[in-house]
């Protein structure tokens, strides 16, 4: 098979906010940059972010308050040096993207409009109606394009070229034609999004299959804090499509089947604006105890009918449209059904404060970077605050780009050959020719169903051990798959089969990390260990997979700082 070899200074995989922000910086600095993406950049999942992007711009707010809320929200697992960078550079990041053309909503005085979000001492989510992510994505794509970045869209990155603790490019294939290529580069960056699609009810785009995590892990590199998966309190009942935290920020009330505003029990001070993990557990607890609503009693209501009609039509228009389209419920006139939905990945590829990928807690991989949701710089720790993800993607994407530019002169590009694509070709051909009896769709459905049941909002040693066995069986069955489409052109069945292999890999990391962590912290809630255990587990999990798929774990210290570890209440 002929393998074409392209040569670039920088190759970035993923074209959401983090990938494009980095690409804009490297291209503007005159570095020859390629962005490889499964989808057209404007279809990246960053565009689905609705509610806002945090920055301490309000008159009573401060950078220090933003830092404190982030550290407290993380259940003290966030690295405080990285949090300080995130929060101190947030106002400048808003000005940067605004100067490039992002149009934010405005208040009566003409300032950027801000709204309250969960777990925050002061309102600080800057927003563009309920389409913030899309506004920012369009702006950064436009500017990267203007600088002349080369985008390979509808290309699937299947492997990294990794040798002697150095990355020298990626192996990828064109989804449209099946053409295979190696992209040789001094610097490679992953910005491929999260891994929420391991769960049945989730708010993630279909493309968010966490490929980068598995690709990294298959080379023996670690993944960090994979057990921490955020369940957003408000996914539309039945589908999990996101109803932004903006709905609660604007005054939405959560009600159970008895009409009780149940958050008074769980977070008497913050109510609906407690941190996401607290609100999600409260919702699932109400459902568990039989106070759910809807035909299957598996949802609760969010009531916005007391808000002025104008507020909903100007600030939450898209949310109203989604509820009408998917549930036939109009929030102007009736409460709408919601339930917790798998939403965000706090864990991922470990990176240092300058976005260099780590090979151990103390060493980095030469020429390899990551930013956005696929990475774990650990500004979110065990639970992310709403509107910090858009900030992280944009800020650390830009920061990664700046650091790549600084590092490039000292990076040596190893010349690659067709042999470096062997792993990709072997996997591609195996899936195409494998003549088993198992269906990719059936295995994927069983994976998502079982992860939701056994490793979801509530976990126990028993449920997690059960999931270990399920994953073992599903991995064996995966070896016996068969796809009907044997063509090269737009073979999405083959692509989904590769993605399923990745999903099975990183699901093991989630389960192993959750089983070893005998405590409850942030989004990780063990019913058999309901308390936080700082003595044993104020630590980051680093997990490594061997060639047989077995996982070994070690722990690394959290970077503490000015905010002392204390009990977390709302």
Protein backbone atom coordinates (compact mmCIF):
# COMPACT_ATOMS: atom_id res chain seq x y z
CA UNK A 1 0.00 0.00 0.00
CA UNK A 2 1.40 3.42 -0.99
CA UNK A 3 1.78 5.78 1.91
CA UNK A 4 2.13 9.45 1.16
CA UNK A 5 4.38 11.40 3.56
CA UNK A 6 3.60 15.06 4.28
CA UNK A 7 6.09 17.33 6.07
CA UNK A 8 5.06 20.07 8.51
CA UNK A 9 6.55 21.97 11.42
CA UNK A 10 3.43 21.37 13.52
CA UNK A 11 0.58 18.88 13.24
CA UNK A 12 -2.54 19.45 15.37
CA UNK A 13 -5.20 16.74 15.67
CA UNK A 14 -8.64 18.16 16.40
CA UNK A 15 -10.24 21.41 15.24
CA UNK A 16 -12.31 22.61 18.18
CA UNK A 17 -11.43 25.67 20.25
CA UNK A 18 -8.16 24.23 21.63
CA UNK A 19 -6.86 22.93 18.29
CA UNK A 20 -7.74 26.04 16.31
CA UNK A 21 -6.44 28.44 18.98
CA UNK A 22 -3.08 26.61 18.88
CA UNK A 23 -3.09 26.49 15.07
CA UNK A 24 -3.80 30.21 14.87
CA UNK A 25 -0.77 30.95 17.07
CA UNK A 26 1.67 28.62 15.27
CA UNK A 27 0.56 29.72 11.79
CA UNK A 28 0.70 33.42 12.75
CA UNK A 29 4.30 32.80 13.90
CA UNK A 30 5.16 31.52 10.42
CA UNK A 31 5.30 27.82 11.32
CA UNK A 32 3.97 25.44 8.67
CA UNK A 33 0.93 23.93 10.42
CA UNK A 34 -1.56 21.21 9.51
CA UNK A 35 -4.81 20.58 11.38
CA UNK A 36 -6.22 17.06 10.97
CA UNK A 37 -9.86 16.57 11.92
CA UNK A 38 -12.58 13.92 11.57
CA UNK A 39 -15.15 16.64 10.90
CA UNK A 40 -15.29 20.06 9.34
CA UNK A 41 -13.94 22.44 12.05
CA UNK A 42 -17.29 24.19 12.44
CA UNK A 43 -18.88 20.85 13.37
CA UNK A 44 -16.45 20.38 16.28
CA UNK A 45 -18.08 19.75 19.65
CA UNK A 46 -16.84 23.10 21.06
CA UNK A 47 -19.70 24.61 19.06
CA UNK A 48 -22.20 22.87 21.34
CA UNK A 49 -21.12 24.83 24.46
CA UNK A 50 -24.09 27.01 25.32
CA UNK A 51 -23.92 28.85 28.61
CA UNK A 52 -20.73 30.88 28.81
CA UNK A 53 -16.99 31.30 29.39
CA UNK A 54 -15.68 32.30 32.82
CA UNK A 55 -13.64 35.42 33.52
CA UNK A 56 -13.61 37.69 36.57
CA UNK A 57 -14.95 40.79 34.82
CA UNK A 58 -17.78 41.71 37.25
CA UNK A 59 -17.22 44.68 39.57
CA UNK A 60 -17.51 42.60 42.79
CA UNK A 61 -15.55 39.68 41.33
CA UNK A 62 -11.82 38.96 41.47
CA UNK A 63 -9.28 36.58 39.98
CA UNK A 64 -8.67 35.16 43.46
CA UNK A 65 -12.37 34.38 43.93
CA UNK A 66 -12.40 32.63 40.55
CA UNK A 67 -9.36 30.60 41.64
CA UNK A 68 -10.97 29.69 44.97
CA UNK A 69 -14.25 28.60 43.34
CA UNK A 70 -12.33 26.47 40.83
CA UNK A 71 -10.20 24.77 43.52
CA UNK A 72 -13.20 24.21 45.82
CA UNK A 73 -15.28 22.96 42.89
CA UNK A 74 -12.49 20.50 42.01
CA UNK A 75 -12.83 19.02 45.52
CA UNK A 76 -9.22 20.15 46.03
CA UNK A 77 -7.80 17.82 43.37
CA UNK A 78 -6.95 20.61 40.89
CA UNK A 79 -3.31 21.68 40.61
CA UNK A 80 -3.32 25.20 42.03
CA UNK A 81 -0.46 26.54 39.87
CA UNK A 82 -2.44 25.65 36.74
CA UNK A 83 -5.65 27.10 38.22
CA UNK A 84 -3.81 30.37 38.90
CA UNK A 85 -2.71 30.53 35.24
CA UNK A 86 -6.24 29.75 34.03
CA UNK A 87 -7.98 32.37 36.17
CA UNK A 88 -5.36 35.14 35.93
CA UNK A 89 -5.30 34.96 32.11
CA UNK A 90 -9.10 34.61 31.71
CA UNK A 91 -9.96 38.33 31.35
CA UNK A 92 -7.17 38.82 28.79
CA UNK A 93 -8.41 35.74 26.86
CA UNK A 94 -11.91 37.24 26.62
CA UNK A 95 -10.45 40.51 25.30
CA UNK A 96 -8.27 38.58 22.82
CA UNK A 97 -11.16 36.65 21.29
CA UNK A 98 -13.42 39.72 21.38
CA UNK A 99 -10.85 41.77 19.46
CA UNK A 100 -10.78 39.00 16.86
CA UNK A 101 -14.51 39.44 16.32
CA UNK A 102 -16.44 37.35 18.88
CA UNK A 103 -19.78 39.03 19.53
CA UNK A 104 -20.85 38.70 23.18
CA UNK A 105 -24.25 39.62 24.62
CA UNK A 106 -24.23 43.02 26.37
CA UNK A 107 -25.75 44.47 29.54
CA UNK A 108 -27.56 47.84 29.80
CA UNK A 109 -24.25 49.69 30.10
CA UNK A 110 -22.76 48.03 27.01
CA UNK A 111 -20.39 45.75 28.95
CA UNK A 112 -20.01 42.04 28.15
CA UNK A 113 -23.01 40.35 29.79
CA UNK A 114 -22.29 37.88 32.61
CA UNK A 115 -24.58 35.34 34.27
CA UNK A 116 -24.35 33.21 37.43
CA UNK A 117 -23.24 29.58 37.12
CA UNK A 118 -23.06 26.72 39.62
CA UNK A 119 -20.40 26.70 42.35
CA UNK A 120 -19.40 30.34 41.74
CA UNK A 121 -19.29 33.07 44.41
CA UNK A 122 -20.15 35.78 41.85
CA UNK A 123 -21.69 35.81 38.37
CA UNK A 124 -18.79 35.42 35.89
CA UNK A 125 -19.94 33.43 32.86
CA UNK A 126 -19.57 35.79 29.88
CA UNK A 127 -22.04 34.71 27.22
CA UNK A 128 -23.39 35.09 23.72
CA UNK A 129 -27.09 34.24 24.25
CA UNK A 130 -27.03 30.45 24.68
CA UNK A 131 -24.67 29.91 21.74
CA UNK A 132 -21.35 30.90 23.31
CA UNK A 133 -19.29 27.95 22.02
CA UNK A 134 -20.48 28.38 18.46
CA UNK A 135 -19.72 32.13 18.51
CA UNK A 136 -16.16 31.50 19.75
CA UNK A 137 -15.57 28.56 17.39
CA UNK A 138 -16.64 30.55 14.33
CA UNK A 139 -14.35 33.39 15.36
CA UNK A 140 -11.23 31.30 15.99
CA UNK A 141 -11.78 29.23 12.81
CA UNK A 142 -12.10 32.42 10.78
CA UNK A 143 -8.85 33.79 12.26
CA UNK A 144 -6.88 30.55 11.87
CA UNK A 145 -8.09 30.35 8.26
CA UNK A 146 -7.09 33.98 7.72
CA UNK A 147 -3.56 33.17 8.91
CA UNK A 148 -3.40 30.39 6.29
CA UNK A 149 -3.60 27.20 8.35
CA UNK A 150 -3.95 24.02 6.27
CA UNK A 151 -6.94 21.92 7.39
CA UNK A 152 -7.31 18.24 6.45
CA UNK A 153 -10.94 17.68 7.33
CA UNK A 154 -12.58 14.24 7.22
CA UNK A 155 -9.22 12.63 7.97
CA UNK A 156 -8.97 10.06 10.75
CA UNK A 157 -5.83 10.02 12.92
CA UNK A 158 -5.15 6.38 13.80
CA UNK A 159 -1.72 6.46 15.46
CA UNK A 160 1.21 8.57 16.63
CA UNK A 161 4.77 8.03 15.38
CA UNK A 162 6.41 7.39 18.75
CA UNK A 163 9.93 6.16 19.46
CA UNK A 164 12.51 6.79 22.22
CA UNK A 165 10.18 9.09 24.17
CA UNK A 166 9.71 11.33 21.13
CA UNK A 167 6.73 11.94 18.82
CA UNK A 168 7.57 12.70 15.18
CA UNK A 169 4.17 12.81 13.54
CA UNK A 170 0.92 10.91 13.09
CA UNK A 171 -0.48 8.22 10.80
CA UNK A 172 -3.92 9.02 9.37
CA UNK A 173 -6.30 8.10 6.56
CA UNK A 174 -8.69 10.10 4.42
CA UNK A 175 -12.25 9.03 5.28
CA UNK A 176 -13.42 10.12 1.82
CA UNK A 177 -11.01 7.99 -0.20
CA UNK A 178 -9.24 5.58 2.15
CA UNK A 179 -5.88 7.16 1.17
CA UNK A 180 -3.30 6.65 3.90
CA UNK A 181 -0.61 9.12 4.89
CA UNK A 182 2.00 10.00 7.48
CA UNK A 183 2.21 13.59 8.65
CA UNK A 184 5.83 14.09 9.72
CA UNK A 185 6.39 17.01 12.11
CA UNK A 186 8.65 18.42 14.81
CA UNK A 187 5.66 19.00 17.10
CA UNK A 188 2.37 17.10 17.40
CA UNK A 189 -0.58 18.32 19.46
CA UNK A 190 -3.74 16.42 20.40
CA UNK A 191 -6.95 18.42 20.92
CA UNK A 192 -9.53 15.73 20.25
CA UNK A 193 -12.16 16.28 22.96
CA UNK A 194 -13.56 14.06 25.67
CA UNK A 195 -14.77 10.52 26.29
CA UNK A 196 -18.41 10.91 27.37
CA UNK A 197 -19.66 8.61 24.64
CA UNK A 198 -18.67 5.63 26.78
CA UNK A 199 -22.07 6.24 28.44
CA UNK A 200 -25.57 5.63 27.09
CA UNK A 201 -27.12 8.98 28.05
CA UNK A 202 -24.56 11.63 27.18
CA UNK A 203 -24.38 15.15 25.80
CA UNK A 204 -21.36 14.53 23.54
CA UNK A 205 -21.22 14.69 19.76
CA UNK A 206 -21.08 11.30 17.99
CA UNK A 207 -17.49 12.08 16.99
CA UNK A 208 -16.32 12.36 20.62
CA UNK A 209 -15.05 8.81 20.87
CA UNK A 210 -11.88 9.58 22.85
CA UNK A 211 -9.54 8.17 20.18
CA UNK A 212 -6.49 10.14 21.32
CA UNK A 213 -6.59 8.58 24.79
CA UNK A 214 -6.44 5.04 23.52
CA UNK A 215 -3.82 5.88 20.87
CA UNK A 216 -1.57 7.29 23.62
CA UNK A 217 -2.27 4.42 26.04
CA UNK A 218 -1.44 1.77 23.43
CA UNK A 219 2.12 3.15 23.34
CA UNK A 220 2.48 2.61 27.10
CA UNK A 221 2.02 6.30 27.93
CA UNK A 222 -0.13 7.17 30.96
CA UNK A 223 -3.66 8.52 31.32
CA UNK A 224 -4.49 10.65 34.36
CA UNK A 225 -7.56 10.79 36.64
CA UNK A 226 -9.77 8.86 34.20
CA UNK A 227 -12.28 7.93 36.93
CA UNK A 228 -13.54 11.51 37.11
CA UNK A 229 -16.40 11.82 34.61
CA UNK A 230 -18.78 14.74 35.03
CA UNK A 231 -22.50 14.12 34.79
CA UNK A 232 -24.26 17.35 33.90
CA UNK A 233 -27.46 17.86 35.92
CA UNK A 234 -29.62 18.88 33.00
CA UNK A 235 -29.76 16.69 29.92
CA UNK A 236 -33.15 16.51 28.19
CA UNK A 237 -35.10 13.54 29.55
CA UNK A 238 -34.49 10.42 27.42
CA UNK A 239 -31.84 11.82 25.06
CA UNK A 240 -29.28 13.57 27.27
CA UNK A 241 -29.10 16.55 24.88
CA UNK A 242 -27.74 19.42 26.93
CA UNK A 243 -29.91 22.04 28.58
CA UNK A 244 -27.24 24.52 29.60
CA UNK A 245 -26.53 25.53 33.17
CA UNK A 246 -27.64 28.95 31.89
CA UNK A 247 -31.22 27.74 32.51
CA UNK A 248 -30.45 27.45 36.23
CA UNK A 249 -28.25 30.56 36.14
CA UNK A 250 -31.23 32.59 34.91
CA UNK A 251 -33.39 31.26 37.77
CA UNK A 252 -34.68 27.79 36.80
CA UNK A 253 -36.00 25.72 39.75
CA UNK A 254 -35.70 21.94 40.05
CA UNK A 255 -38.89 20.13 41.10
CA UNK A 256 -39.71 16.48 41.84
CA UNK A 257 -43.00 14.63 41.25
CA UNK A 258 -44.42 16.13 44.48
CA UNK A 259 -43.68 19.64 43.24
CA UNK A 260 -40.96 20.05 45.91
CA UNK A 261 -37.94 22.26 45.21
CA UNK A 262 -35.67 19.46 46.37
CA UNK A 263 -32.31 21.28 46.20
CA UNK A 264 -33.28 22.93 49.52
CA UNK A 265 -32.41 19.53 51.09
CA UNK A 266 -29.08 18.95 49.34
CA UNK A 267 -27.52 22.43 49.04
CA UNK A 268 -29.52 24.83 51.24
CA UNK A 269 -27.36 27.87 50.42
CA UNK A 270 -26.53 27.46 46.74
CA UNK A 271 -29.71 25.51 45.77
CA UNK A 272 -29.74 24.88 41.97
CA UNK A 273 -26.39 26.66 41.66
CA UNK A 274 -24.39 24.18 43.73
CA UNK A 275 -21.55 22.47 41.85
CA UNK A 276 -22.53 20.08 39.08
CA UNK A 277 -21.66 16.86 40.89
CA UNK A 278 -23.84 17.86 43.88
CA UNK A 279 -26.86 18.76 41.71
CA UNK A 280 -26.52 15.64 39.52
CA UNK A 281 -26.44 13.33 42.54
CA UNK A 282 -29.44 15.13 44.05
CA UNK A 283 -31.44 14.60 40.84
CA UNK A 284 -30.48 10.92 40.61
CA UNK A 285 -31.24 10.42 44.32
CA UNK A 286 -34.77 11.85 43.87
CA UNK A 287 -35.31 9.50 40.91
CA UNK A 288 -33.85 6.55 42.86
CA UNK A 289 -36.22 7.20 45.76
CA UNK A 290 -39.28 7.22 43.49
CA UNK A 291 -39.90 10.94 43.09
CA UNK A 292 -39.05 11.06 39.37
CA UNK A 293 -41.39 12.40 36.67
CA UNK A 294 -42.28 11.38 33.12
CA UNK A 295 -43.55 8.06 31.71
CA UNK A 296 -40.61 6.08 33.16
CA UNK A 297 -40.20 8.25 36.30
CA UNK A 298 -36.54 8.73 35.29
CA UNK A 299 -36.40 12.54 35.16
CA UNK A 300 -37.19 15.64 37.22
CA UNK A 301 -38.59 19.01 36.14
CA UNK A 302 -36.80 22.29 35.61
CA UNK A 303 -39.33 25.09 35.88
CA UNK A 304 -38.71 28.42 34.15
CA UNK A 305 -42.36 29.48 33.80
CA UNK A 306 -41.92 32.19 36.48
CA UNK A 307 -39.30 34.00 34.35
CA UNK A 308 -40.31 36.90 32.10
CA UNK A 309 -41.04 35.70 28.56
CA UNK A 310 -38.44 38.19 27.29
CA UNK A 311 -35.65 36.54 29.36
CA UNK A 312 -36.26 33.15 27.75
CA UNK A 313 -36.64 34.53 24.23
CA UNK A 314 -33.48 36.69 24.38
CA UNK A 315 -31.17 34.67 26.66
CA UNK A 316 -32.26 31.04 26.22
CA UNK A 317 -33.79 30.80 22.71
CA UNK A 318 -31.89 27.69 21.65
CA UNK A 319 -32.71 25.80 24.86
CA UNK A 320 -36.40 26.50 24.33
CA UNK A 321 -36.17 25.24 20.73
CA UNK A 322 -34.38 22.04 21.84
CA UNK A 323 -37.05 21.21 24.45
CA UNK A 324 -39.85 21.82 21.94
CA UNK A 325 -38.12 19.73 19.23
CA UNK A 326 -37.13 16.75 21.40
CA UNK A 327 -39.80 16.69 24.14
CA UNK A 328 -42.68 18.76 22.77
CA UNK A 329 -42.44 20.87 25.94
CA UNK A 330 -42.35 24.68 25.80
CA UNK A 331 -40.49 26.17 28.77
CA UNK A 332 -42.53 29.38 28.42
CA UNK A 333 -45.65 27.52 29.53
CA UNK A 334 -44.64 24.34 31.37
CA UNK A 335 -41.72 22.76 33.23
CA UNK A 336 -39.46 20.54 31.09
CA UNK A 337 -38.06 17.10 31.91
CA UNK A 338 -34.34 16.71 32.61
CA UNK A 339 -31.97 14.11 34.08
CA UNK A 340 -28.22 13.80 34.62
CA UNK A 341 -26.23 13.15 31.43
CA UNK A 342 -22.56 12.14 30.97
CA UNK A 343 -21.01 15.40 29.88
CA UNK A 344 -17.35 16.15 30.54
CA UNK A 345 -14.06 14.33 31.08
CA UNK A 346 -11.91 15.72 33.87
CA UNK A 347 -9.27 13.05 33.20
CA UNK A 348 -7.19 12.57 30.07
CA UNK A 349 -3.67 12.75 28.66
CA UNK A 350 -1.43 14.16 31.43
CA UNK A 351 0.31 17.43 30.54
CA UNK A 352 2.41 19.94 32.46
CA UNK A 353 1.46 23.61 32.87
CA UNK A 354 2.90 24.35 29.39
CA UNK A 355 0.91 21.56 27.69
CA UNK A 356 3.81 19.09 27.20
CA UNK A 357 2.51 15.51 27.35
CA UNK A 358 4.00 13.52 30.25
CA UNK A 359 5.46 10.02 30.06
CA UNK A 360 5.58 9.78 33.89
CA UNK A 361 4.46 12.21 36.62
CA UNK A 362 7.87 13.94 36.31
CA UNK A 363 9.01 13.45 32.68
CA UNK A 364 7.73 14.80 29.37
CA UNK A 365 7.58 13.36 25.85
CA UNK A 366 9.62 15.36 23.34
CA UNK A 367 7.60 17.11 20.65
CA UNK A 368 4.18 16.06 22.02
CA UNK A 369 1.48 18.43 23.33
CA UNK A 370 -2.19 18.28 24.30
CA UNK A 371 -4.88 20.78 25.30
CA UNK A 372 -8.62 20.99 25.82
CA UNK A 373 -10.83 18.18 27.07
CA UNK A 374 -8.58 15.30 25.91
CA UNK A 375 -5.80 16.61 28.17
CA UNK A 376 -5.45 16.64 31.95
CA UNK A 377 -3.54 19.74 33.04
CA UNK A 378 -5.79 19.37 36.06
CA UNK A 379 -7.47 22.72 36.38
CA UNK A 380 -10.72 20.82 37.05
CA UNK A 381 -9.53 18.15 39.49
CA UNK A 382 -12.43 15.90 40.50
CA UNK A 383 -15.20 18.18 39.22
CA UNK A 384 -15.29 21.04 36.71
CA UNK A 385 -17.11 24.31 37.26
CA UNK A 386 -19.55 25.23 34.51
CA UNK A 387 -18.07 27.67 31.92
CA UNK A 388 -14.47 26.76 32.84
CA UNK A 389 -14.18 24.23 29.98
CA UNK A 390 -14.62 26.76 27.18
CA UNK A 391 -12.08 28.94 28.97
CA UNK A 392 -9.63 26.05 29.36
CA UNK A 393 -9.92 25.03 25.69
CA UNK A 394 -9.38 28.54 24.36
CA UNK A 395 -6.72 29.62 26.88
CA UNK A 396 -4.66 26.43 27.01
CA UNK A 397 -5.04 25.92 23.24
CA UNK A 398 -3.50 29.34 22.69
CA UNK A 399 -0.91 28.65 25.44
CA UNK A 400 0.04 25.33 23.77
CA UNK A 401 0.49 27.12 20.44
CA UNK A 402 2.75 29.74 22.04
CA UNK A 403 4.84 27.04 23.74
CA UNK A 404 5.18 25.02 20.52
CA UNK A 405 6.50 28.15 18.78
CA UNK A 406 9.05 28.66 21.62
CA UNK A 407 10.14 25.00 21.56
CA UNK A 408 10.37 24.41 17.80
CA UNK A 409 13.98 25.55 17.29
CA UNK A 410 15.14 22.97 19.83
CA UNK A 411 13.09 20.10 18.42
CA UNK A 412 14.63 17.74 15.87
CA UNK A 413 12.35 16.10 13.33
CA UNK A 414 13.06 12.38 12.87
CA UNK A 415 12.63 11.36 9.24
CA UNK A 416 9.85 8.81 8.99
CA UNK A 417 9.28 5.98 6.53
CA UNK A 418 6.29 3.95 5.36
CA UNK A 419 7.07 1.42 8.10
CA UNK A 420 5.88 3.96 10.68
CA UNK A 421 2.33 3.42 9.42
CA UNK A 422 2.42 -0.35 10.09
CA UNK A 423 0.20 -0.25 13.20
CA UNK A 424 -2.46 1.80 11.38
CA UNK A 425 -2.41 -0.42 8.28
CA UNK A 426 -2.57 -3.62 10.34
CA UNK A 427 -5.59 -2.39 12.34
CA UNK A 428 -7.34 -1.04 9.21
CA UNK A 429 -6.87 -4.30 7.29
CA UNK A 430 -7.82 -6.49 10.24
CA UNK A 431 -11.15 -4.71 10.69
CA UNK A 432 -11.86 -4.77 6.96
CA UNK A 433 -11.15 -8.48 6.52
CA UNK A 434 -12.15 -9.91 9.92
CA UNK A 435 -14.90 -12.44 9.30
CA UNK A 436 -16.52 -12.80 12.73
CA UNK A 437 -20.15 -12.77 13.85
CA UNK A 438 -20.31 -9.79 16.19
CA UNK A 439 -21.85 -6.41 15.37
CA UNK A 440 -20.06 -3.17 16.26
CA UNK A 441 -23.38 -1.44 17.07
CA UNK A 442 -24.48 -4.22 19.44
CA UNK A 443 -21.17 -4.26 21.38
CA UNK A 444 -21.15 -0.45 21.59
CA UNK A 445 -24.74 -0.38 22.93
CA UNK A 446 -23.84 -2.97 25.59
CA UNK A 447 -20.72 -1.00 26.54
CA UNK A 448 -22.67 2.24 26.97
CA UNK A 449 -25.55 0.61 28.86
CA UNK A 450 -23.23 -1.23 31.27
CA UNK A 451 -20.95 1.77 31.90
CA UNK A 452 -24.03 3.86 32.77
CA UNK A 453 -25.36 1.19 35.15
CA UNK A 454 -22.09 0.12 36.80
CA UNK A 455 -19.71 3.10 36.58
CA UNK A 456 -22.07 6.06 36.39
CA UNK A 457 -23.20 8.70 38.90
CA UNK A 458 -23.20 6.16 41.77
CA UNK A 459 -20.54 3.42 42.04
CA UNK A 460 -19.65 0.58 44.42
CA UNK A 461 -16.87 -2.03 44.50
CA UNK A 462 -19.45 -4.63 43.42
CA UNK A 463 -20.75 -2.62 40.45
CA UNK A 464 -17.21 -1.78 39.30
CA UNK A 465 -16.01 -5.39 39.58
CA UNK A 466 -19.06 -6.41 37.58
CA UNK A 467 -18.07 -3.85 34.93
CA UNK A 468 -14.52 -5.22 34.81
CA UNK A 469 -15.98 -8.59 33.79
CA UNK A 470 -18.33 -6.96 31.26
CA UNK A 471 -15.40 -5.13 29.64
CA UNK A 472 -13.35 -8.31 29.52
CA UNK A 473 -16.17 -10.12 27.70
CA UNK A 474 -16.85 -7.22 25.33
CA UNK A 475 -13.15 -6.95 24.46
CA UNK A 476 -13.09 -10.66 23.57
CA UNK A 477 -16.23 -10.29 21.49
CA UNK A 478 -14.68 -7.28 19.75
CA UNK A 479 -12.03 -9.64 18.35
CA UNK A 480 -14.87 -11.41 16.56
CA UNK A 481 -16.46 -8.42 14.79
CA UNK A 482 -17.45 -8.22 11.17
CA UNK A 483 -18.33 -5.19 9.06
CA UNK A 484 -20.47 -5.41 5.93
CA UNK A 485 -18.90 -2.46 4.10
CA UNK A 486 -15.57 -3.48 2.57
CA UNK A 487 -15.11 -0.34 0.44
CA UNK A 488 -12.53 2.43 0.84
CA UNK A 489 -14.79 5.41 0.19
CA UNK A 490 -16.58 6.95 3.19
CA UNK A 491 -16.43 3.69 5.08
CA UNK A 492 -18.02 4.98 8.27
CA UNK A 493 -18.69 1.41 9.43
CA UNK A 494 -14.94 0.75 9.48
CA UNK A 495 -14.33 4.07 11.27
CA UNK A 496 -16.92 3.18 13.95
CA UNK A 497 -15.25 -0.19 14.46
CA UNK A 498 -11.87 1.48 15.11
CA UNK A 499 -13.57 3.95 17.47
CA UNK A 500 -15.22 1.13 19.40
CA UNK A 501 -11.79 -0.42 20.03
CA UNK A 502 -10.67 2.90 21.51
CA UNK A 503 -13.80 3.18 23.66
CA UNK A 504 -13.28 -0.30 25.11
CA UNK A 505 -9.66 0.60 25.95
CA UNK A 506 -10.26 3.79 27.87
CA UNK A 507 -13.40 2.46 29.62
CA UNK A 508 -11.03 0.07 31.40
CA UNK A 509 -9.09 3.07 32.73
CA UNK A 510 -12.29 4.66 34.08
CA UNK A 511 -13.30 1.46 35.87
CA UNK A 512 -9.83 0.60 37.25
CA UNK A 513 -9.31 4.14 38.56
CA UNK A 514 -12.76 4.20 40.17
CA UNK A 515 -12.28 0.79 41.79
CA UNK A 516 -8.91 1.70 43.30
CA UNK A 517 -10.15 5.06 44.66
CA UNK A 518 -11.89 4.07 47.89
CA UNK A 519 -13.43 7.47 48.59
CA UNK A 520 -15.95 9.92 47.17
CA UNK A 521 -14.51 13.09 45.65
CA UNK A 522 -16.19 15.44 43.20
CA UNK A 523 -17.84 13.53 40.36
CA UNK A 524 -16.53 10.16 41.62
CA UNK A 525 -19.08 8.93 44.18
CA UNK A 526 -18.60 5.56 45.86
CA UNK A 527 -21.71 4.57 47.83
CA UNK A 528 -19.53 2.17 49.85
CA UNK A 529 -17.03 4.98 50.65
CA UNK A 530 -19.20 8.12 50.80
CA UNK A 531 -16.56 10.31 52.49
CA UNK A 532 -13.51 12.01 51.00
CA UNK A 533 -10.19 10.54 52.19
CA UNK A 534 -7.46 13.16 51.90
CA UNK A 535 -4.85 11.02 53.68
CA UNK A 536 -4.89 8.33 51.03
CA UNK A 537 -6.41 9.94 47.96
CA UNK A 538 -5.47 13.60 47.72
CA UNK A 539 -3.53 12.26 44.72
CA UNK A 540 -3.71 12.12 40.94
CA UNK A 541 -4.14 8.68 39.37
CA UNK A 542 -1.60 7.77 36.65
CA UNK A 543 -2.53 4.57 34.81
CA UNK A 544 -0.55 2.60 32.20
CA UNK A 545 -1.77 -0.18 29.90
CA UNK A 546 0.51 -3.05 28.84
CA UNK A 547 0.38 -4.89 25.49
CA UNK A 548 -2.14 -7.40 26.88
CA UNK A 549 -4.53 -4.67 27.99
CA UNK A 550 -3.73 -4.96 31.70
CA UNK A 551 -3.64 -1.71 33.65
CA UNK A 552 -1.11 -0.67 36.28
CA UNK A 553 -1.71 2.40 38.46
CA UNK A 554 0.40 4.76 40.51
CA UNK A 555 -0.35 8.05 42.24
CA UNK A 556 1.22 11.51 42.00
CA UNK A 557 0.97 14.52 44.31
CA UNK A 558 -1.53 17.32 43.75
CA UNK A 559 0.09 20.78 43.48
CA UNK A 560 -1.32 22.62 46.49
CA UNK A 561 -1.16 26.37 47.02
CA UNK A 562 -2.78 29.24 48.87
CA UNK A 563 -6.16 27.56 49.30
CA UNK A 564 -6.10 25.08 52.16
CA UNK A 565 -7.90 21.76 51.74
CA UNK A 566 -11.18 21.92 53.65
CA UNK A 567 -14.65 20.39 53.69
CA UNK A 568 -16.67 21.29 50.63
CA UNK A 569 -20.26 22.40 51.22
CA UNK A 570 -22.73 24.46 49.23
